[in-house]
Each structure stands twice: as structure tokens, then as C-alpha cells.
Amino acid sequence: MQLTIAILLVIVFPLLVDVITILYIFKNPQISQSKKLLWLVLVCLLPMLGAMGYFMYVKNFSSKNNI
């Protein structure tokens, strides 16, 4: 039971977060193709940090454009 929970926390959850982040990157029309490639590389190399950074960037970017 503990091994299953450990596998979920260490492997499955970060993988799920990465897949969701990659889908959001592809669907975002406000980001240029070169920035999308940069975010994809960052998310693949640093999974959780890249995902958190992307969502913080998108929130910051969208709030600046709405003013």
C-alpha cells in the first residue's frame, strides 16, 4: 500500500501535471512559437518547476495584457 502511494506521488502526479501543462502550452494563442518551444523544453527538463513557472508566467502575462 505504501509503495503504491509512493509511486503515485513520485511518478504519476508529476507526469500528469506535465501533460496538462503541455496541453495548456499548445492551446495558448498569446505565446509565440519560439516561447512555446522554450516552455516545452523547460517543462520536460524540470517537470514540476517548469509547470509552476509556466502557470505563474501565464497568470502574470494575462493580467498585464488585461490592464
PDB file of N, CA and C in Angstrom:
ATOM      1  N   MET A   1       0.822  -1.194   0.000  1.00  0.00           N
ATOM      2  CA  MET A   1       0.000   0.000   0.000  1.00  0.00           C
ATOM      3  C   MET A   1       0.869   1.263   0.000  1.00  0.00           C
ATOM      4  N   GLN A   2       1.903   1.278   0.832  1.00  0.00           N
ATOM      5  CA  GLN A   2       2.778   2.452   0.887  1.00  0.00           C
ATOM      6  C   GLN A   2       3.555   2.624  -0.409  1.00  0.00           C
ATOM      7  N   LEU A   3       3.928   1.504  -1.025  1.00  0.00           N
ATOM      8  CA  LEU A   3       4.650   1.577  -2.289  1.00  0.00           C
ATOM      9  C   LEU A   3       3.764   2.170  -3.379  1.00  0.00           C
ATOM     10  N   THR A   4       2.508   1.817  -3.385  1.00  0.00           N
ATOM     11  CA  THR A   4       1.572   2.354  -4.375  1.00  0.00           C
ATOM     12  C   THR A   4       1.415   3.857  -4.212  1.00  0.00           C
ATOM     13  N   ILE A   5       1.293   4.314  -2.994  1.00  0.00           N
ATOM     14  CA  ILE A   5       1.161   5.752  -2.736  1.00  0.00           C
ATOM     15  C   ILE A   5       2.445   6.471  -3.133  1.00  0.00           C
ATOM     16  N   ALA A   6       3.576   5.882  -2.843  1.00  0.00           N
ATOM     17  CA  ALA A   6       4.852   6.488  -3.212  1.00  0.00           C
ATOM     18  C   ALA A   6       4.991   6.596  -4.731  1.00  0.00           C
ATOM     19  N   ILE A   7       4.595   5.560  -5.449  1.00  0.00           N
ATOM     20  CA  ILE A   7       4.658   5.586  -6.910  1.00  0.00           C
ATOM     21  C   ILE A   7       3.736   6.671  -7.456  1.00  0.00           C
ATOM     22  N   LEU A   8       2.551   6.783  -6.894  1.00  0.00           N
ATOM     23  CA  LEU A   8       1.619   7.819  -7.345  1.00  0.00           C
ATOM     24  C   LEU A   8       2.192   9.207  -7.131  1.00  0.00           C
ATOM     25  N   LEU A   9       2.780   9.439  -5.968  1.00  0.00           N
ATOM     26  CA  LEU A   9       3.298  10.763  -5.655  1.00  0.00           C
ATOM     27  C   LEU A   9       4.559  11.112  -6.435  1.00  0.00           C
ATOM     28  N   VAL A  10       5.396  10.127  -6.675  1.00  0.00           N
ATOM     29  CA  VAL A  10       6.695  10.403  -7.287  1.00  0.00           C
ATOM     30  C   VAL A  10       6.648  10.341  -8.814  1.00  0.00           C
ATOM     31  N   ILE A  11       5.833   9.478  -9.375  1.00  0.00           N
ATOM     32  CA  ILE A  11       5.842   9.280 -10.825  1.00  0.00           C
ATOM     33  C   ILE A  11       4.571   9.784 -11.493  1.00  0.00           C
ATOM     34  N   VAL A  12       3.432   9.335 -11.042  1.00  0.00           N
ATOM     35  CA  VAL A  12       2.189   9.606 -11.747  1.00  0.00           C
ATOM     36  C   VAL A  12       1.775  11.070 -11.628  1.00  0.00           C
ATOM     37  N   PHE A  13       1.815  11.643 -10.446  1.00  0.00           N
ATOM     38  CA  PHE A  13       1.377  13.028 -10.262  1.00  0.00           C
ATOM     39  C   PHE A  13       2.214  14.014 -11.082  1.00  0.00           C
ATOM     40  N   PRO A  14       3.561  13.967 -11.014  1.00  0.00           N
ATOM     41  CA  PRO A  14       4.340  14.897 -11.860  1.00  0.00           C
ATOM     42  C   PRO A  14       4.099  14.678 -13.354  1.00  0.00           C
ATOM     43  N   LEU A  15       3.918  13.433 -13.771  1.00  0.00           N
ATOM     44  CA  LEU A  15       3.653  13.151 -15.176  1.00  0.00           C
ATOM     45  C   LEU A  15       2.311  13.755 -15.607  1.00  0.00           C
ATOM     46  N   LEU A  16       1.315  13.629 -14.763  1.00  0.00           N
ATOM     47  CA  LEU A  16       0.006  14.204 -15.050  1.00  0.00           C
ATOM     48  C   LEU A  16       0.081  15.733 -15.122  1.00  0.00           C
ATOM     49  N   VAL A  17       0.807  16.332 -14.197  1.00  0.00           N
ATOM     50  CA  VAL A  17       0.982  17.789 -14.211  1.00  0.00           C
ATOM     51  C   VAL A  17       1.698  18.227 -15.488  1.00  0.00           C
ATOM     52  N   ASP A  18       2.703  17.478 -15.919  1.00  0.00           N
ATOM     53  CA  ASP A  18       3.427  17.811 -17.148  1.00  0.00           C
ATOM     54  C   ASP A  18       2.530  17.725 -18.374  1.00  0.00           C
ATOM     55  N   VAL A  19       1.743  16.679 -18.462  1.00  0.00           N
ATOM     56  CA  VAL A  19       0.853  16.511 -19.617  1.00  0.00           C
ATOM     57  C   VAL A  19      -0.153  17.656 -19.679  1.00  0.00           C
ATOM     58  N   ILE A  20      -0.723  18.008 -18.548  1.00  0.00           N
ATOM     59  CA  ILE A  20      -1.679  19.125 -18.508  1.00  0.00           C
ATOM     60  C   ILE A  20      -0.995  20.425 -18.896  1.00  0.00           C
ATOM     61  N   THR A  21       0.201  20.650 -18.395  1.00  0.00           N
ATOM     62  CA  THR A  21       0.937  21.877 -18.715  1.00  0.00           C
ATOM     63  C   THR A  21       1.257  21.944 -20.205  1.00  0.00           C
ATOM     64  N   ILE A  22       1.676  20.835 -20.793  1.00  0.00           N
ATOM     65  CA  ILE A  22       1.998  20.814 -22.223  1.00  0.00           C
ATOM     66  C   ILE A  22       0.752  21.110 -23.056  1.00  0.00           C
ATOM     67  N   LEU A  23      -0.383  20.575 -22.653  1.00  0.00           N
ATOM     68  CA  LEU A  23      -1.626  20.880 -23.367  1.00  0.00           C
ATOM     69  C   LEU A  23      -1.953  22.366 -23.279  1.00  0.00           C
ATOM     70  N   TYR A  24      -1.784  22.961 -22.110  1.00  0.00           N
ATOM     71  CA  TYR A  24      -2.026  24.390 -21.947  1.00  0.00           C
ATOM     72  C   TYR A  24      -1.056  25.206 -22.800  1.00  0.00           C
ATOM     73  N   ILE A  25       0.190  24.775 -22.891  1.00  0.00           N
ATOM     74  CA  ILE A  25       1.177  25.498 -23.703  1.00  0.00           C
ATOM     75  C   ILE A  25       0.745  25.502 -25.163  1.00  0.00           C
ATOM     76  N   PHE A  26       0.331  24.352 -25.690  1.00  0.00           N
ATOM     77  CA  PHE A  26      -0.081  24.272 -27.087  1.00  0.00           C
ATOM     78  C   PHE A  26      -1.352  25.067 -27.366  1.00  0.00           C
ATOM     79  N   LYS A  27      -2.254  25.151 -26.401  1.00  0.00           N
ATOM     80  CA  LYS A  27      -3.532  25.831 -26.620  1.00  0.00           C
ATOM     81  C   LYS A  27      -3.469  27.341 -26.419  1.00  0.00           C
ATOM     82  N   ASN A  28      -2.376  27.867 -25.883  1.00  0.00           N
ATOM     83  CA  ASN A  28      -2.278  29.296 -25.581  1.00  0.00           C
ATOM     84  C   ASN A  28      -1.919  30.077 -26.854  1.00  0.00           C
ATOM     85  N   PRO A  29      -2.873  30.860 -27.391  1.00  0.00           N
ATOM     86  CA  PRO A  29      -2.596  31.601 -28.625  1.00  0.00           C
ATOM     87  C   PRO A  29      -1.772  32.871 -28.397  1.00  0.00           C
ATOM     88  N   GLN A  30      -1.606  33.301 -27.158  1.00  0.00           N
ATOM     89  CA  GLN A  30      -0.900  34.543 -26.871  1.00  0.00           C
ATOM     90  C   GLN A  30       0.614  34.374 -26.844  1.00  0.00           C
ATOM     91  N   ILE A  31       1.094  33.144 -26.849  1.00  0.00           N
ATOM     92  CA  ILE A  31       2.528  32.889 -26.758  1.00  0.00           C
ATOM     93  C   ILE A  31       3.061  32.538 -28.146  1.00  0.00           C
ATOM     94  N   SER A  32       4.188  33.121 -28.511  1.00  0.00           N
ATOM     95  CA  SER A  32       4.791  32.849 -29.814  1.00  0.00           C
ATOM     96  C   SER A  32       5.324  31.412 -29.864  1.00  0.00           C
ATOM     97  N   GLN A  33       5.581  30.950 -31.073  1.00  0.00           N
ATOM     98  CA  GLN A  33       6.060  29.581 -31.267  1.00  0.00           C
ATOM     99  C   GLN A  33       7.408  29.346 -30.586  1.00  0.00           C
ATOM    100  N   SER A  34       8.276  30.346 -30.634  1.00  0.00           N
ATOM    101  CA  SER A  34       9.592  30.178 -30.011  1.00  0.00           C
ATOM    102  C   SER A  34       9.472  30.081 -28.488  1.00  0.00           C
ATOM    103  N   LYS A  35       8.557  30.862 -27.899  1.00  0.00           N
ATOM    104  CA  LYS A  35       8.356  30.779 -26.454  1.00  0.00           C
ATOM    105  C   LYS A  35       7.689  29.452 -26.071  1.00  0.00           C
ATOM    106  N   LYS A  36       6.820  28.955 -26.937  1.00  0.00           N
ATOM    107  CA  LYS A  36       6.208  27.647 -26.669  1.00  0.00           C
ATOM    108  C   LYS A  36       7.279  26.562 -26.636  1.00  0.00           C
ATOM    109  N   LEU A  37       8.207  26.626 -27.579  1.00  0.00           N
ATOM    110  CA  LEU A  37       9.285  25.645 -27.602  1.00  0.00           C
ATOM    111  C   LEU A  37      10.145  25.747 -26.352  1.00  0.00           C
ATOM    112  N   LEU A  38      10.443  26.965 -25.938  1.00  0.00           N
ATOM    113  CA  LEU A  38      11.230  27.177 -24.727  1.00  0.00           C
ATOM    114  C   LEU A  38      10.511  26.604 -23.505  1.00  0.00           C
ATOM    115  N   TRP A  39       9.200  26.869 -23.380  1.00  0.00           N
ATOM    116  CA  TRP A  39       8.441  26.340 -22.248  1.00  0.00           C
ATOM    117  C   TRP A  39       8.363  24.821 -22.293  1.00  0.00           C
ATOM    118  N   LEU A  40       8.222  24.238 -23.483  1.00  0.00           N
ATOM    119  CA  LEU A  40       8.176  22.778 -23.587  1.00  0.00           C
ATOM    120  C   LEU A  40       9.482  22.148 -23.118  1.00  0.00           C
ATOM    121  N   VAL A  41      10.592  22.729 -23.525  1.00  0.00           N
ATOM    122  CA  VAL A  41      11.895  22.212 -23.090  1.00  0.00           C
ATOM    123  C   VAL A  41      12.035  22.344 -21.579  1.00  0.00           C
ATOM    124  N   LEU A  42      11.648  23.495 -21.050  1.00  0.00           N
ATOM    125  CA  LEU A  42      11.756  23.721 -19.613  1.00  0.00           C
ATOM    126  C   LEU A  42      10.875  22.753 -18.824  1.00  0.00           C
ATOM    127  N   VAL A  43       9.653  22.542 -19.292  1.00  0.00           N
ATOM    128  CA  VAL A  43       8.735  21.632 -18.592  1.00  0.00           C
ATOM    129  C   VAL A  43       9.246  20.191 -18.671  1.00  0.00           C
ATOM    130  N   CYS A  44       9.848  19.823 -19.780  1.00  0.00           N
ATOM    131  CA  CYS A  44      10.362  18.447 -19.904  1.00  0.00           C
ATOM    132  C   CYS A  44      11.622  18.232 -19.068  1.00  0.00           C
ATOM    133  N   LEU A  45      12.476  19.241 -18.974  1.00  0.00           N
ATOM    134  CA  LEU A  45      13.719  19.083 -18.217  1.00  0.00           C
ATOM    135  C   LEU A  45      13.515  19.232 -16.711  1.00  0.00           C
ATOM    136  N   LEU A  46      12.656  20.159 -16.313  1.00  0.00           N
ATOM    137  CA  LEU A  46      12.370  20.403 -14.894  1.00  0.00           C
ATOM    138  C   LEU A  46      10.856  20.305 -14.690  1.00  0.00           C
ATOM    139  N   PRO A  47      10.345  19.109 -14.589  1.00  0.00           N
ATOM    140  CA  PRO A  47       8.895  18.905 -14.661  1.00  0.00           C
ATOM    141  C   PRO A  47       8.060  19.783 -13.738  1.00  0.00           C
ATOM    142  N   MET A  48       8.186  19.662 -12.452  1.00  0.00           N
ATOM    143  CA  MET A  48       7.315  20.407 -11.546  1.00  0.00           C
ATOM    144  C   MET A  48       7.672  21.896 -11.518  1.00  0.00           C
ATOM    145  N   LEU A  49       8.960  22.214 -11.528  1.00  0.00           N
ATOM    146  CA  LEU A  49       9.375  23.618 -11.524  1.00  0.00           C
ATOM    147  C   LEU A  49       8.970  24.317 -12.821  1.00  0.00           C
ATOM    148  N   GLY A  50       9.123  23.617 -13.940  1.00  0.00           N
ATOM    149  CA  GLY A  50       8.725  24.190 -15.222  1.00  0.00           C
ATOM    150  C   GLY A  50       7.235  24.444 -15.290  1.00  0.00           C
ATOM    151  N   ALA A  51       6.444  23.512 -14.780  1.00  0.00           N
ATOM    152  CA  ALA A  51       4.988  23.678 -14.785  1.00  0.00           C
ATOM    153  C   ALA A  51       4.570  24.847 -13.900  1.00  0.00           C
ATOM    154  N   MET A  52       5.142  24.915 -12.712  1.00  0.00           N
ATOM    155  CA  MET A  52       4.801  26.030 -11.818  1.00  0.00           C
ATOM    156  C   MET A  52       5.225  27.359 -12.431  1.00  0.00           C
ATOM    157  N   GLY A  53       6.400  27.391 -13.021  1.00  0.00           N
ATOM    158  CA  GLY A  53       6.875  28.614 -13.660  1.00  0.00           C
ATOM    159  C   GLY A  53       5.990  29.034 -14.819  1.00  0.00           C
ATOM    160  N   TYR A  54       5.548  28.071 -15.620  1.00  0.00           N
ATOM    161  CA  TYR A  54       4.676  28.393 -16.748  1.00  0.00           C
ATOM    162  C   TYR A  54       3.362  28.992 -16.272  1.00  0.00           C
ATOM    163  N   PHE A  55       2.733  28.372 -15.299  1.00  0.00           N
ATOM    164  CA  PHE A  55       1.438  28.873 -14.852  1.00  0.00           C
ATOM    165  C   PHE A  55       1.576  30.234 -14.156  1.00  0.00           C
ATOM    166  N   MET A  56       2.687  30.462 -13.488  1.00  0.00           N
ATOM    167  CA  MET A  56       2.917  31.785 -12.892  1.00  0.00           C
ATOM    168  C   MET A  56       3.149  32.819 -14.000  1.00  0.00           C
ATOM    169  N   TYR A  57       3.880  32.439 -15.054  1.00  0.00           N
ATOM    170  CA  TYR A  57       4.133  33.320 -16.190  1.00  0.00           C
ATOM    171  C   TYR A  57       2.829  33.666 -16.908  1.00  0.00           C
ATOM    172  N   VAL A  58       1.991  32.677 -17.140  1.00  0.00           N
ATOM    173  CA  VAL A  58       0.731  32.902 -17.851  1.00  0.00           C
ATOM    174  C   VAL A  58      -0.181  33.812 -17.046  1.00  0.00           C
ATOM    175  N   LYS A  59      -0.259  33.591 -15.757  1.00  0.00           N
ATOM    176  CA  LYS A  59      -1.095  34.439 -14.910  1.00  0.00           C
ATOM    177  C   LYS A  59      -0.579  35.872 -14.933  1.00  0.00           C
ATOM    178  N   ASN A  60       0.716  36.046 -14.827  1.00  0.00           N
ATOM    179  CA  ASN A  60       1.327  37.365 -14.846  1.00  0.00           C
ATOM    180  C   ASN A  60       1.149  38.022 -16.214  1.00  0.00           C
ATOM    181  N   PHE A  61       1.348  37.248 -17.276  1.00  0.00           N
ATOM    182  CA  PHE A  61       1.251  37.751 -18.644  1.00  0.00           C
ATOM    183  C   PHE A  61      -0.180  38.189 -18.959  1.00  0.00           C
ATOM    184  N   SER A  62      -1.163  37.393 -18.565  1.00  0.00           N
ATOM    185  CA  SER A  62      -2.557  37.723 -18.874  1.00  0.00           C
ATOM    186  C   SER A  62      -3.034  38.905 -18.047  1.00  0.00           C
ATOM    187  N   SER A  63      -2.574  39.038 -16.827  1.00  0.00           N
ATOM    188  CA  SER A  63      -3.006  40.178 -16.004  1.00  0.00           C
ATOM    189  C   SER A  63      -2.404  41.482 -16.537  1.00  0.00           C
ATOM    190  N   LYS A  64      -1.211  41.440 -17.100  1.00  0.00           N
ATOM    191  CA  LYS A  64      -0.594  42.645 -17.672  1.00  0.00           C
ATOM    192  C   LYS A  64      -1.298  43.056 -18.961  1.00  0.00           C
ATOM    193  N   ASN A  65      -1.784  42.094 -19.749  1.00  0.00           N
ATOM    194  CA  ASN A  65      -2.447  42.404 -21.005  1.00  0.00           C
ATOM    195  C   ASN A  65      -3.883  42.858 -20.821  1.00  0.00           C
ATOM    196  N   ASN A  66      -4.491  42.590 -19.693  1.00  0.00           N
ATOM    197  CA  ASN A  66      -5.879  42.987 -19.463  1.00  0.00           C
ATOM    198  C   ASN A  66      -6.002  44.415 -18.933  1.00  0.00           C
ATOM    199  N   ILE A  67      -4.894  45.016 -18.552  1.00  0.00           N
ATOM    200  CA  ILE A  67      -4.957  46.374 -17.970  1.00  0.00           C
ATOM    201  C   ILE A  67      -5.102  47.405 -19.059  1.00  0.00           C
TER     202      ILE A  67
END
